[in-house]
């Protein structure tokens, strides 16, 4: 398997698991192409051509030509210079590693990651919020995140990968789409009545049950075990946290419980204000579940890979 084939397959898998639907994402790519064709020659030179075939700005080949043969992958939730130096140490000890695969984006994938937040408006619309309101609430939040990202020294890890000659890639939203799709379908199918029922379902999943041992498993943030769950919204994709103003609209649309990866204090207070139950499944175990589901799909397509877990990632296979 070549790196470029892995990259394309991960994007394709992300599109298939996208909560907006595959056809919607395809349509967005076509619209991007139309915009590109209308650009001046100077604007085209500055345009990131990957946007025409990849709807996920946080998923990129960060170092490598794409022609590299990949059989063994060093997989982590966060891979930065310390992890890359660990990889190099393992190589020097004779461990064969063809690729560093990080979940959280680095380099150009981090610089532009806020662009994937646009998908949140469509997801909120699916849960009953009018699209005009969802877009209006998300727009200032996306700009806020872009301002926070702008001053960061985002090429540190990618520069290290280049110096060490390590093929490097990020897979963020495709993995987040996988975990969102998996959990939303599971909870919709199981129809848990109470928050305790939701917790029991989550704890039956190895990524979460094992995270409990590290004190990072699922917890009830707002509500109590006996509270009824109502309509459940699995909120685990779309870059990062959305607008704090969205909770009022979610409550009005009938959402009773949010199952998320993490929640800031400001978001917590607003969710509490509108009486929405919140279960935090856990950030790193949720990311791990998404990456495992993604790797399962890769192995179904390309055959068995040698996976070297690091930086919070644990490999659990599904049949």
C-alpha atoms as a PDB file:
ATOM      1  CA  UNK A   1       0.000   0.000   0.000  1.00  0.00           C
ATOM      2  CA  UNK A   2       1.364   3.388  -0.984  1.00  0.00           C
ATOM      3  CA  UNK A   3       0.980   6.422   1.275  1.00  0.00           C
ATOM      4  CA  UNK A   4      -1.137   8.216  -1.339  1.00  0.00           C
ATOM      5  CA  UNK A   5      -3.526   5.224  -1.483  1.00  0.00           C
ATOM      6  CA  UNK A   6      -3.885   5.231   2.308  1.00  0.00           C
ATOM      7  CA  UNK A   7      -4.518   8.979   2.252  1.00  0.00           C
ATOM      8  CA  UNK A   8      -7.212   8.748  -0.424  1.00  0.00           C
ATOM      9  CA  UNK A   9      -8.890   5.796   1.299  1.00  0.00           C
ATOM     10  CA  UNK A  10      -9.010   7.599   4.657  1.00  0.00           C
ATOM     11  CA  UNK A  11     -10.663  10.602   3.000  1.00  0.00           C
ATOM     12  CA  UNK A  12     -13.158   8.347   1.213  1.00  0.00           C
ATOM     13  CA  UNK A  13     -13.972   6.531   4.465  1.00  0.00           C
ATOM     14  CA  UNK A  14     -14.461   9.863   6.215  1.00  0.00           C
ATOM     15  CA  UNK A  15     -16.905  10.923   3.518  1.00  0.00           C
ATOM     16  CA  UNK A  16     -18.872   7.669   3.823  1.00  0.00           C
ATOM     17  CA  UNK A  17     -19.181   8.152   7.595  1.00  0.00           C
ATOM     18  CA  UNK A  18     -19.838  11.898   7.399  1.00  0.00           C
ATOM     19  CA  UNK A  19     -23.041  12.848   9.281  1.00  0.00           C
ATOM     20  CA  UNK A  20     -23.966  15.203   6.447  1.00  0.00           C
ATOM     21  CA  UNK A  21     -24.145  12.278   4.019  1.00  0.00           C
ATOM     22  CA  UNK A  22     -21.762  11.298   1.209  1.00  0.00           C
ATOM     23  CA  UNK A  23     -23.752  13.052  -1.533  1.00  0.00           C
ATOM     24  CA  UNK A  24     -23.745  16.341   0.394  1.00  0.00           C
ATOM     25  CA  UNK A  25     -19.968  16.236   0.804  1.00  0.00           C
ATOM     26  CA  UNK A  26     -19.532  15.384  -2.895  1.00  0.00           C
ATOM     27  CA  UNK A  27     -21.677  18.376  -3.794  1.00  0.00           C
ATOM     28  CA  UNK A  28     -19.500  20.638  -1.638  1.00  0.00           C
ATOM     29  CA  UNK A  29     -16.387  19.423  -3.477  1.00  0.00           C
ATOM     30  CA  UNK A  30     -18.031  20.216  -6.820  1.00  0.00           C
ATOM     31  CA  UNK A  31     -18.902  23.702  -5.578  1.00  0.00           C
ATOM     32  CA  UNK A  32     -15.281  24.172  -4.488  1.00  0.00           C
ATOM     33  CA  UNK A  33     -14.136  23.243  -8.001  1.00  0.00           C
ATOM     34  CA  UNK A  34     -16.501  25.812  -9.547  1.00  0.00           C
ATOM     35  CA  UNK A  35     -15.091  28.506  -7.240  1.00  0.00           C
ATOM     36  CA  UNK A  36     -11.558  27.495  -8.200  1.00  0.00           C
ATOM     37  CA  UNK A  37     -12.291  27.744 -11.916  1.00  0.00           C
ATOM     38  CA  UNK A  38     -13.434  31.351 -11.465  1.00  0.00           C
ATOM     39  CA  UNK A  39     -10.211  32.421  -9.740  1.00  0.00           C
ATOM     40  CA  UNK A  40      -7.543  34.519 -11.431  1.00  0.00           C
ATOM     41  CA  UNK A  41      -4.230  32.863 -12.292  1.00  0.00           C
ATOM     42  CA  UNK A  42      -2.580  34.546  -9.328  1.00  0.00           C
ATOM     43  CA  UNK A  43      -5.348  33.352  -6.980  1.00  0.00           C
ATOM     44  CA  UNK A  44      -5.047  29.827  -8.383  1.00  0.00           C
ATOM     45  CA  UNK A  45      -1.333  29.769  -7.560  1.00  0.00           C
ATOM     46  CA  UNK A  46      -2.159  30.522  -3.910  1.00  0.00           C
ATOM     47  CA  UNK A  47      -5.076  28.076  -3.750  1.00  0.00           C
ATOM     48  CA  UNK A  48      -4.612  24.783  -1.876  1.00  0.00           C
ATOM     49  CA  UNK A  49      -5.411  22.316  -4.658  1.00  0.00           C
ATOM     50  CA  UNK A  50      -6.132  19.535  -2.142  1.00  0.00           C
ATOM     51  CA  UNK A  51      -9.424  21.267  -1.305  1.00  0.00           C
ATOM     52  CA  UNK A  52     -10.791  20.062  -4.655  1.00  0.00           C
ATOM     53  CA  UNK A  53     -10.634  16.394  -3.637  1.00  0.00           C
ATOM     54  CA  UNK A  54     -10.359  16.458   0.166  1.00  0.00           C
ATOM     55  CA  UNK A  55     -13.160  18.102   2.190  1.00  0.00           C
ATOM     56  CA  UNK A  56     -11.224  17.740   5.463  1.00  0.00           C
ATOM     57  CA  UNK A  57      -8.607  20.463   5.922  1.00  0.00           C
ATOM     58  CA  UNK A  58      -7.296  18.748   9.073  1.00  0.00           C
ATOM     59  CA  UNK A  59      -6.332  15.554   7.219  1.00  0.00           C
ATOM     60  CA  UNK A  60      -3.172  15.817   5.141  1.00  0.00           C
ATOM     61  CA  UNK A  61       0.077  14.150   4.123  1.00  0.00           C
ATOM     62  CA  UNK A  62       2.424  16.331   6.168  1.00  0.00           C
ATOM     63  CA  UNK A  63       5.698  14.834   4.954  1.00  0.00           C
ATOM     64  CA  UNK A  64       6.287  12.429   2.095  1.00  0.00           C
ATOM     65  CA  UNK A  65       5.807  12.126  -1.651  1.00  0.00           C
ATOM     66  CA  UNK A  66       2.887   9.721  -1.415  1.00  0.00           C
ATOM     67  CA  UNK A  67       4.876   6.997  -3.175  1.00  0.00           C
ATOM     68  CA  UNK A  68       6.213   5.482   0.061  1.00  0.00           C
ATOM     69  CA  UNK A  69       5.265   1.844   0.735  1.00  0.00           C
ATOM     70  CA  UNK A  70       3.395   1.556   4.034  1.00  0.00           C
ATOM     71  CA  UNK A  71       3.245  -1.683   6.018  1.00  0.00           C
ATOM     72  CA  UNK A  72       3.932  -0.524   9.579  1.00  0.00           C
ATOM     73  CA  UNK A  73       2.419   2.577  11.183  1.00  0.00           C
ATOM     74  CA  UNK A  74       3.321   4.457  14.363  1.00  0.00           C
ATOM     75  CA  UNK A  75      -0.122   5.688  15.509  1.00  0.00           C
ATOM     76  CA  UNK A  76      -0.739   8.329  18.166  1.00  0.00           C
ATOM     77  CA  UNK A  77      -3.436  10.753  19.229  1.00  0.00           C
ATOM     78  CA  UNK A  78      -0.829  13.537  19.307  1.00  0.00           C
ATOM     79  CA  UNK A  79       2.443  13.142  17.440  1.00  0.00           C
ATOM     80  CA  UNK A  80       4.880  16.006  17.802  1.00  0.00           C
ATOM     81  CA  UNK A  81       8.667  16.247  17.983  1.00  0.00           C
ATOM     82  CA  UNK A  82       9.033  14.091  21.168  1.00  0.00           C
ATOM     83  CA  UNK A  83       7.037  11.248  19.572  1.00  0.00           C
ATOM     84  CA  UNK A  84       8.982  11.569  16.326  1.00  0.00           C
ATOM     85  CA  UNK A  85      12.240  11.281  18.285  1.00  0.00           C
ATOM     86  CA  UNK A  86      10.803   8.193  20.008  1.00  0.00           C
ATOM     87  CA  UNK A  87      10.007   6.784  16.565  1.00  0.00           C
ATOM     88  CA  UNK A  88      13.591   7.434  15.458  1.00  0.00           C
ATOM     89  CA  UNK A  89      14.895   5.699  18.607  1.00  0.00           C
ATOM     90  CA  UNK A  90      12.737   2.648  17.859  1.00  0.00           C
ATOM     91  CA  UNK A  91      13.999   2.610  14.268  1.00  0.00           C
ATOM     92  CA  UNK A  92      17.582   2.673  15.529  1.00  0.00           C
ATOM     93  CA  UNK A  93      16.723  -0.369  17.658  1.00  0.00           C
ATOM     94  CA  UNK A  94      15.561  -2.229  14.572  1.00  0.00           C
ATOM     95  CA  UNK A  95      11.803  -1.600  14.678  1.00  0.00           C
ATOM     96  CA  UNK A  96      10.494  -1.107  11.149  1.00  0.00           C
ATOM     97  CA  UNK A  97       8.210   1.942  10.930  1.00  0.00           C
ATOM     98  CA  UNK A  98       7.022   3.329   7.594  1.00  0.00           C
ATOM     99  CA  UNK A  99       4.696   6.129   8.710  1.00  0.00           C
ATOM    100  CA  UNK A 100       3.822   8.353  11.653  1.00  0.00           C
ATOM    101  CA  UNK A 101       0.034   8.777  11.759  1.00  0.00           C
ATOM    102  CA  UNK A 102      -1.288  11.432  14.135  1.00  0.00           C
ATOM    103  CA  UNK A 103      -4.942  11.977  14.948  1.00  0.00           C
ATOM    104  CA  UNK A 104      -4.699  15.613  16.002  1.00  0.00           C
ATOM    105  CA  UNK A 105      -3.492  17.727  13.096  1.00  0.00           C
ATOM    106  CA  UNK A 106      -0.065  19.272  12.787  1.00  0.00           C
ATOM    107  CA  UNK A 107       1.483  21.615  10.236  1.00  0.00           C
ATOM    108  CA  UNK A 108      -0.789  22.873   7.473  1.00  0.00           C
ATOM    109  CA  UNK A 109      -3.517  20.514   8.705  1.00  0.00           C
ATOM    110  CA  UNK A 110      -3.544  22.390  12.019  1.00  0.00           C
ATOM    111  CA  UNK A 111      -3.289  25.834  10.424  1.00  0.00           C
ATOM    112  CA  UNK A 112      -6.508  25.254   8.460  1.00  0.00           C
ATOM    113  CA  UNK A 113      -8.357  22.832  10.747  1.00  0.00           C
ATOM    114  CA  UNK A 114     -11.029  25.382  11.705  1.00  0.00           C
ATOM    115  CA  UNK A 115     -12.425  25.133   8.153  1.00  0.00           C
ATOM    116  CA  UNK A 116     -14.010  21.754   8.974  1.00  0.00           C
ATOM    117  CA  UNK A 117     -16.132  23.498  11.611  1.00  0.00           C
ATOM    118  CA  UNK A 118     -18.468  24.586   8.809  1.00  0.00           C
ATOM    119  CA  UNK A 119     -19.905  21.058   8.842  1.00  0.00           C
ATOM    120  CA  UNK A 120     -21.346  21.677  12.304  1.00  0.00           C
ATOM    121  CA  UNK A 121     -24.128  23.866  10.871  1.00  0.00           C
ATOM    122  CA  UNK A 122     -25.359  20.955   8.736  1.00  0.00           C
ATOM    123  CA  UNK A 123     -25.165  18.557  11.680  1.00  0.00           C
ATOM    124  CA  UNK A 124     -27.166  20.931  13.878  1.00  0.00           C
ATOM    125  CA  UNK A 125     -29.700  21.283  11.075  1.00  0.00           C
ATOM    126  CA  UNK A 126     -30.136  17.486  11.110  1.00  0.00           C
ATOM    127  CA  UNK A 127     -31.087  17.790  14.773  1.00  0.00           C
ATOM    128  CA  UNK A 128     -33.830  20.295  14.074  1.00  0.00           C
ATOM    129  CA  UNK A 129     -32.139  23.692  14.155  1.00  0.00           C
ATOM    130  CA  UNK A 130     -32.960  25.894  11.114  1.00  0.00           C
ATOM    131  CA  UNK A 131     -29.901  26.082   8.861  1.00  0.00           C
ATOM    132  CA  UNK A 132     -29.875  29.895   8.822  1.00  0.00           C
ATOM    133  CA  UNK A 133     -29.685  29.987  12.625  1.00  0.00           C
ATOM    134  CA  UNK A 134     -27.031  27.246  12.769  1.00  0.00           C
ATOM    135  CA  UNK A 135     -24.844  29.070  10.230  1.00  0.00           C
ATOM    136  CA  UNK A 136     -25.314  32.426  11.962  1.00  0.00           C
ATOM    137  CA  UNK A 137     -24.262  30.960  15.311  1.00  0.00           C
ATOM    138  CA  UNK A 138     -21.273  29.058  13.901  1.00  0.00           C
ATOM    139  CA  UNK A 139     -19.766  31.873  11.824  1.00  0.00           C
ATOM    140  CA  UNK A 140     -18.362  33.986  14.705  1.00  0.00           C
ATOM    141  CA  UNK A 141     -17.140  30.860  16.508  1.00  0.00           C
ATOM    142  CA  UNK A 142     -15.222  29.692  13.426  1.00  0.00           C
ATOM    143  CA  UNK A 143     -13.608  33.128  13.119  1.00  0.00           C
ATOM    144  CA  UNK A 144     -12.687  33.021  16.808  1.00  0.00           C
ATOM    145  CA  UNK A 145     -10.931  29.658  16.409  1.00  0.00           C
ATOM    146  CA  UNK A 146      -9.121  30.852  13.265  1.00  0.00           C
ATOM    147  CA  UNK A 147      -7.757  33.848  15.201  1.00  0.00           C
ATOM    148  CA  UNK A 148      -6.482  31.546  17.954  1.00  0.00           C
ATOM    149  CA  UNK A 149      -4.730  29.272  15.453  1.00  0.00           C
ATOM    150  CA  UNK A 150      -3.127  32.059  13.402  1.00  0.00           C
ATOM    151  CA  UNK A 151      -0.161  32.940  15.693  1.00  0.00           C
ATOM    152  CA  UNK A 152       0.811  29.326  16.436  1.00  0.00           C
ATOM    153  CA  UNK A 153       4.140  27.854  15.309  1.00  0.00           C
ATOM    154  CA  UNK A 154       2.291  25.070  13.526  1.00  0.00           C
ATOM    155  CA  UNK A 155       5.190  23.652  11.462  1.00  0.00           C
ATOM    156  CA  UNK A 156       7.308  22.508  14.434  1.00  0.00           C
ATOM    157  CA  UNK A 157       6.398  18.817  14.194  1.00  0.00           C
ATOM    158  CA  UNK A 158       6.373  18.698  10.393  1.00  0.00           C
ATOM    159  CA  UNK A 159       9.807  20.346  10.294  1.00  0.00           C
ATOM    160  CA  UNK A 160      11.059  17.630  12.657  1.00  0.00           C
ATOM    161  CA  UNK A 161       9.562  14.905  10.456  1.00  0.00           C
ATOM    162  CA  UNK A 162      11.365  16.356   7.433  1.00  0.00           C
ATOM    163  CA  UNK A 163      14.705  16.529   9.248  1.00  0.00           C
ATOM    164  CA  UNK A 164      14.301  12.932  10.427  1.00  0.00           C
ATOM    165  CA  UNK A 165      12.994  11.802   7.017  1.00  0.00           C
ATOM    166  CA  UNK A 166       9.809  10.341   8.521  1.00  0.00           C
ATOM    167  CA  UNK A 167       6.649  10.107   6.383  1.00  0.00           C
ATOM    168  CA  UNK A 168       3.983  11.902   8.403  1.00  0.00           C
ATOM    169  CA  UNK A 169       0.213  12.164   8.056  1.00  0.00           C
ATOM    170  CA  UNK A 170      -2.796  13.393  10.048  1.00  0.00           C
ATOM    171  CA  UNK A 171      -6.291  11.861  10.127  1.00  0.00           C
ATOM    172  CA  UNK A 172      -8.638  13.983  12.211  1.00  0.00           C
ATOM    173  CA  UNK A 173     -12.185  14.517  10.917  1.00  0.00           C
ATOM    174  CA  UNK A 174     -12.390  11.134   9.096  1.00  0.00           C
ATOM    175  CA  UNK A 175     -11.708   9.378  12.422  1.00  0.00           C
ATOM    176  CA  UNK A 176     -14.092  11.691  14.287  1.00  0.00           C
ATOM    177  CA  UNK A 177     -16.754  10.908  11.676  1.00  0.00           C
ATOM    178  CA  UNK A 178     -16.195   7.195  12.317  1.00  0.00           C
ATOM    179  CA  UNK A 179     -16.716   7.452  16.082  1.00  0.00           C
ATOM    180  CA  UNK A 180     -19.725   9.761  15.675  1.00  0.00           C
ATOM    181  CA  UNK A 181     -21.377   7.429  13.165  1.00  0.00           C
ATOM    182  CA  UNK A 182     -20.645   4.355  15.304  1.00  0.00           C
ATOM    183  CA  UNK A 183     -21.955   5.774  18.583  1.00  0.00           C
ATOM    184  CA  UNK A 184     -24.984   7.555  17.124  1.00  0.00           C
ATOM    185  CA  UNK A 185     -26.144   4.356  15.407  1.00  0.00           C
ATOM    186  CA  UNK A 186     -25.416   2.276  18.509  1.00  0.00           C
ATOM    187  CA  UNK A 187     -27.384   4.571  20.819  1.00  0.00           C
ATOM    188  CA  UNK A 188     -30.226   5.006  18.323  1.00  0.00           C
ATOM    189  CA  UNK A 189     -30.476   1.220  18.079  1.00  0.00           C
ATOM    190  CA  UNK A 190     -30.196   0.509  21.835  1.00  0.00           C
ATOM    191  CA  UNK A 191     -32.602   3.324  22.813  1.00  0.00           C
ATOM    192  CA  UNK A 192     -31.261   3.869  26.356  1.00  0.00           C
ATOM    193  CA  UNK A 193     -33.885   5.233  28.737  1.00  0.00           C
ATOM    194  CA  UNK A 194     -31.656   6.812  31.385  1.00  0.00           C
ATOM    195  CA  UNK A 195     -28.203   8.373  31.591  1.00  0.00           C
ATOM    196  CA  UNK A 196     -27.084   5.280  33.484  1.00  0.00           C
ATOM    197  CA  UNK A 197     -28.174   3.170  30.498  1.00  0.00           C
ATOM    198  CA  UNK A 198     -26.060   5.396  28.232  1.00  0.00           C
ATOM    199  CA  UNK A 199     -23.047   4.971  30.530  1.00  0.00           C
ATOM    200  CA  UNK A 200     -23.461   1.185  30.542  1.00  0.00           C
ATOM    201  CA  UNK A 201     -23.499   1.105  26.736  1.00  0.00           C
ATOM    202  CA  UNK A 202     -20.353   3.241  26.548  1.00  0.00           C
ATOM    203  CA  UNK A 203     -18.589   1.133  29.177  1.00  0.00           C
ATOM    204  CA  UNK A 204     -19.262  -2.002  27.115  1.00  0.00           C
ATOM    205  CA  UNK A 205     -16.895  -0.592  24.464  1.00  0.00           C
ATOM    206  CA  UNK A 206     -13.236  -1.565  25.133  1.00  0.00           C
ATOM    207  CA  UNK A 207     -11.816   1.894  24.428  1.00  0.00           C
ATOM    208  CA  UNK A 208     -14.017   3.314  27.196  1.00  0.00           C
ATOM    209  CA  UNK A 209     -13.885   0.407  29.650  1.00  0.00           C
ATOM    210  CA  UNK A 210     -10.092   0.435  29.554  1.00  0.00           C
ATOM    211  CA  UNK A 211      -9.976   4.235  29.836  1.00  0.00           C
ATOM    212  CA  UNK A 212     -11.713   3.932  33.211  1.00  0.00           C
ATOM    213  CA  UNK A 213      -8.513   2.308  34.527  1.00  0.00           C
ATOM    214  CA  UNK A 214      -6.638   5.480  33.521  1.00  0.00           C
ATOM    215  CA  UNK A 215      -9.320   7.708  35.100  1.00  0.00           C
ATOM    216  CA  UNK A 216     -10.350   9.018  31.681  1.00  0.00           C
ATOM    217  CA  UNK A 217     -13.557   7.068  31.043  1.00  0.00           C
ATOM    218  CA  UNK A 218     -17.163   8.229  30.557  1.00  0.00           C
ATOM    219  CA  UNK A 219     -18.706  10.526  33.173  1.00  0.00           C
ATOM    220  CA  UNK A 220     -21.996  12.354  33.635  1.00  0.00           C
ATOM    221  CA  UNK A 221     -21.252  16.093  33.453  1.00  0.00           C
ATOM    222  CA  UNK A 222     -24.825  17.351  33.736  1.00  0.00           C
ATOM    223  CA  UNK A 223     -27.689  15.246  35.070  1.00  0.00           C
ATOM    224  CA  UNK A 224     -27.747  12.098  37.192  1.00  0.00           C
ATOM    225  CA  UNK A 225     -27.915   8.368  36.551  1.00  0.00           C
ATOM    226  CA  UNK A 226     -31.691   8.153  36.932  1.00  0.00           C
ATOM    227  CA  UNK A 227     -32.419  11.126  34.617  1.00  0.00           C
ATOM    228  CA  UNK A 228     -34.116  10.166  31.369  1.00  0.00           C
ATOM    229  CA  UNK A 229     -31.913  10.582  28.311  1.00  0.00           C
ATOM    230  CA  UNK A 230     -34.519  11.629  25.754  1.00  0.00           C
ATOM    231  CA  UNK A 231     -33.214  12.418  22.279  1.00  0.00           C
ATOM    232  CA  UNK A 232     -29.450  11.814  22.155  1.00  0.00           C
ATOM    233  CA  UNK A 233     -27.029  13.917  20.105  1.00  0.00           C
ATOM    234  CA  UNK A 234     -23.533  12.439  19.671  1.00  0.00           C
ATOM    235  CA  UNK A 235     -21.400  15.553  19.259  1.00  0.00           C
ATOM    236  CA  UNK A 236     -17.914  14.337  18.344  1.00  0.00           C
ATOM    237  CA  UNK A 237     -16.998  15.732  14.929  1.00  0.00           C
ATOM    238  CA  UNK A 238     -16.534  19.083  13.243  1.00  0.00           C
ATOM    239  CA  UNK A 239     -13.071  20.194  14.370  1.00  0.00           C
ATOM    240  CA  UNK A 240     -13.652  21.478  17.892  1.00  0.00           C
ATOM    241  CA  UNK A 241     -16.364  22.895  20.151  1.00  0.00           C
ATOM    242  CA  UNK A 242     -19.012  24.980  18.429  1.00  0.00           C
ATOM    243  CA  UNK A 243     -20.878  28.076  19.602  1.00  0.00           C
ATOM    244  CA  UNK A 244     -21.849  28.371  23.272  1.00  0.00           C
ATOM    245  CA  UNK A 245     -25.174  29.802  22.076  1.00  0.00           C
ATOM    246  CA  UNK A 246     -26.254  26.568  20.430  1.00  0.00           C
ATOM    247  CA  UNK A 247     -27.553  24.871  23.591  1.00  0.00           C
ATOM    248  CA  UNK A 248     -30.721  26.963  23.756  1.00  0.00           C
ATOM    249  CA  UNK A 249     -31.544  25.965  20.170  1.00  0.00           C
ATOM    250  CA  UNK A 250     -30.761  22.292  20.821  1.00  0.00           C
ATOM    251  CA  UNK A 251     -33.085  22.294  23.827  1.00  0.00           C
ATOM    252  CA  UNK A 252     -35.819  23.887  21.714  1.00  0.00           C
ATOM    253  CA  UNK A 253     -35.308  21.266  18.992  1.00  0.00           C
ATOM    254  CA  UNK A 254     -35.900  18.438  21.485  1.00  0.00           C
ATOM    255  CA  UNK A 255     -32.367  17.238  22.288  1.00  0.00           C
ATOM    256  CA  UNK A 256     -32.307  15.803  25.815  1.00  0.00           C
ATOM    257  CA  UNK A 257     -28.740  14.530  26.088  1.00  0.00           C
ATOM    258  CA  UNK A 258     -25.420  15.366  24.463  1.00  0.00           C
ATOM    259  CA  UNK A 259     -22.736  12.676  24.362  1.00  0.00           C
ATOM    260  CA  UNK A 260     -19.454  14.439  23.661  1.00  0.00           C
ATOM    261  CA  UNK A 261     -15.693  14.039  23.876  1.00  0.00           C
ATOM    262  CA  UNK A 262     -14.997  17.083  26.046  1.00  0.00           C
ATOM    263  CA  UNK A 263     -16.622  20.360  27.105  1.00  0.00           C
ATOM    264  CA  UNK A 264     -15.175  23.692  28.232  1.00  0.00           C
ATOM    265  CA  UNK A 265     -16.412  25.403  31.386  1.00  0.00           C
ATOM    266  CA  UNK A 266     -18.204  28.087  29.366  1.00  0.00           C
ATOM    267  CA  UNK A 267     -20.030  25.496  27.268  1.00  0.00           C
ATOM    268  CA  UNK A 268     -20.801  23.477  30.400  1.00  0.00           C
ATOM    269  CA  UNK A 269     -22.500  26.436  32.075  1.00  0.00           C
ATOM    270  CA  UNK A 270     -24.621  27.171  29.019  1.00  0.00           C
ATOM    271  CA  UNK A 271     -25.709  23.531  28.612  1.00  0.00           C
ATOM    272  CA  UNK A 272     -26.618  23.499  32.303  1.00  0.00           C
ATOM    273  CA  UNK A 273     -28.621  26.711  31.893  1.00  0.00           C
ATOM    274  CA  UNK A 274     -30.857  25.032  29.304  1.00  0.00           C
ATOM    275  CA  UNK A 275     -31.197  21.761  31.241  1.00  0.00           C
ATOM    276  CA  UNK A 276     -29.489  19.555  28.651  1.00  0.00           C
ATOM    277  CA  UNK A 277     -27.985  16.365  30.069  1.00  0.00           C
ATOM    278  CA  UNK A 278     -24.317  15.954  29.168  1.00  0.00           C
ATOM    279  CA  UNK A 279     -22.232  12.781  29.196  1.00  0.00           C
ATOM    280  CA  UNK A 280     -18.544  13.211  28.447  1.00  0.00           C
ATOM    281  CA  UNK A 281     -17.376   9.916  26.992  1.00  0.00           C
ATOM    282  CA  UNK A 282     -13.739  10.970  27.231  1.00  0.00           C
ATOM    283  CA  UNK A 283     -11.534  12.808  24.763  1.00  0.00           C
ATOM    284  CA  UNK A 284      -8.644  10.408  24.247  1.00  0.00           C
ATOM    285  CA  UNK A 285     -10.710   7.171  24.373  1.00  0.00           C
ATOM    286  CA  UNK A 286     -13.181   8.661  21.873  1.00  0.00           C
ATOM    287  CA  UNK A 287     -10.327   9.658  19.562  1.00  0.00           C
ATOM    288  CA  UNK A 288      -8.890   6.167  20.027  1.00  0.00           C
ATOM    289  CA  UNK A 289     -12.218   4.567  19.091  1.00  0.00           C
ATOM    290  CA  UNK A 290     -12.418   6.687  15.944  1.00  0.00           C
ATOM    291  CA  UNK A 291      -8.863   5.796  14.913  1.00  0.00           C
ATOM    292  CA  UNK A 292      -9.466   2.096  15.596  1.00  0.00           C
ATOM    293  CA  UNK A 293     -12.611   2.095  13.448  1.00  0.00           C
ATOM    294  CA  UNK A 294     -10.676   3.858  10.695  1.00  0.00           C
ATOM    295  CA  UNK A 295      -7.741   1.426  10.884  1.00  0.00           C
ATOM    296  CA  UNK A 296     -10.191  -1.501  10.814  1.00  0.00           C
ATOM    297  CA  UNK A 297     -11.508  -0.184   7.485  1.00  0.00           C
ATOM    298  CA  UNK A 298      -7.966   0.284   6.162  1.00  0.00           C
ATOM    299  CA  UNK A 299      -7.048  -3.315   7.054  1.00  0.00           C
ATOM    300  CA  UNK A 300     -10.224  -4.633   5.402  1.00  0.00           C
ATOM    301  CA  UNK A 301      -9.151  -2.878   2.211  1.00  0.00           C
ATOM    302  CA  UNK A 302      -5.376  -3.337   2.188  1.00  0.00           C
ATOM    303  CA  UNK A 303      -4.692  -6.267   4.529  1.00  0.00           C
ATOM    304  CA  UNK A 304      -3.013  -6.553   7.914  1.00  0.00           C
ATOM    305  CA  UNK A 305      -0.752  -3.737   9.073  1.00  0.00           C
ATOM    306  CA  UNK A 306       1.825  -3.594  11.827  1.00  0.00           C
ATOM    307  CA  UNK A 307       0.510  -0.968  14.263  1.00  0.00           C
ATOM    308  CA  UNK A 308       2.819   0.572  16.871  1.00  0.00           C
ATOM    309  CA  UNK A 309       0.576   2.477  19.330  1.00  0.00           C
ATOM    310  CA  UNK A 310       1.826   5.576  21.141  1.00  0.00           C
ATOM    311  CA  UNK A 311       0.700   8.866  22.690  1.00  0.00           C
ATOM    312  CA  UNK A 312      -2.619   7.780  24.188  1.00  0.00           C
ATOM    313  CA  UNK A 313      -3.660   5.436  21.379  1.00  0.00           C
ATOM    314  CA  UNK A 314      -4.503   1.783  22.120  1.00  0.00           C
ATOM    315  CA  UNK A 315      -5.258  -0.697  19.348  1.00  0.00           C
ATOM    316  CA  UNK A 316      -8.539  -2.626  19.647  1.00  0.00           C
ATOM    317  CA  UNK A 317      -9.691  -4.589  16.605  1.00  0.00           C
ATOM    318  CA  UNK A 318     -13.266  -5.303  15.595  1.00  0.00           C
ATOM    319  CA  UNK A 319     -14.379  -8.192  13.442  1.00  0.00           C
END
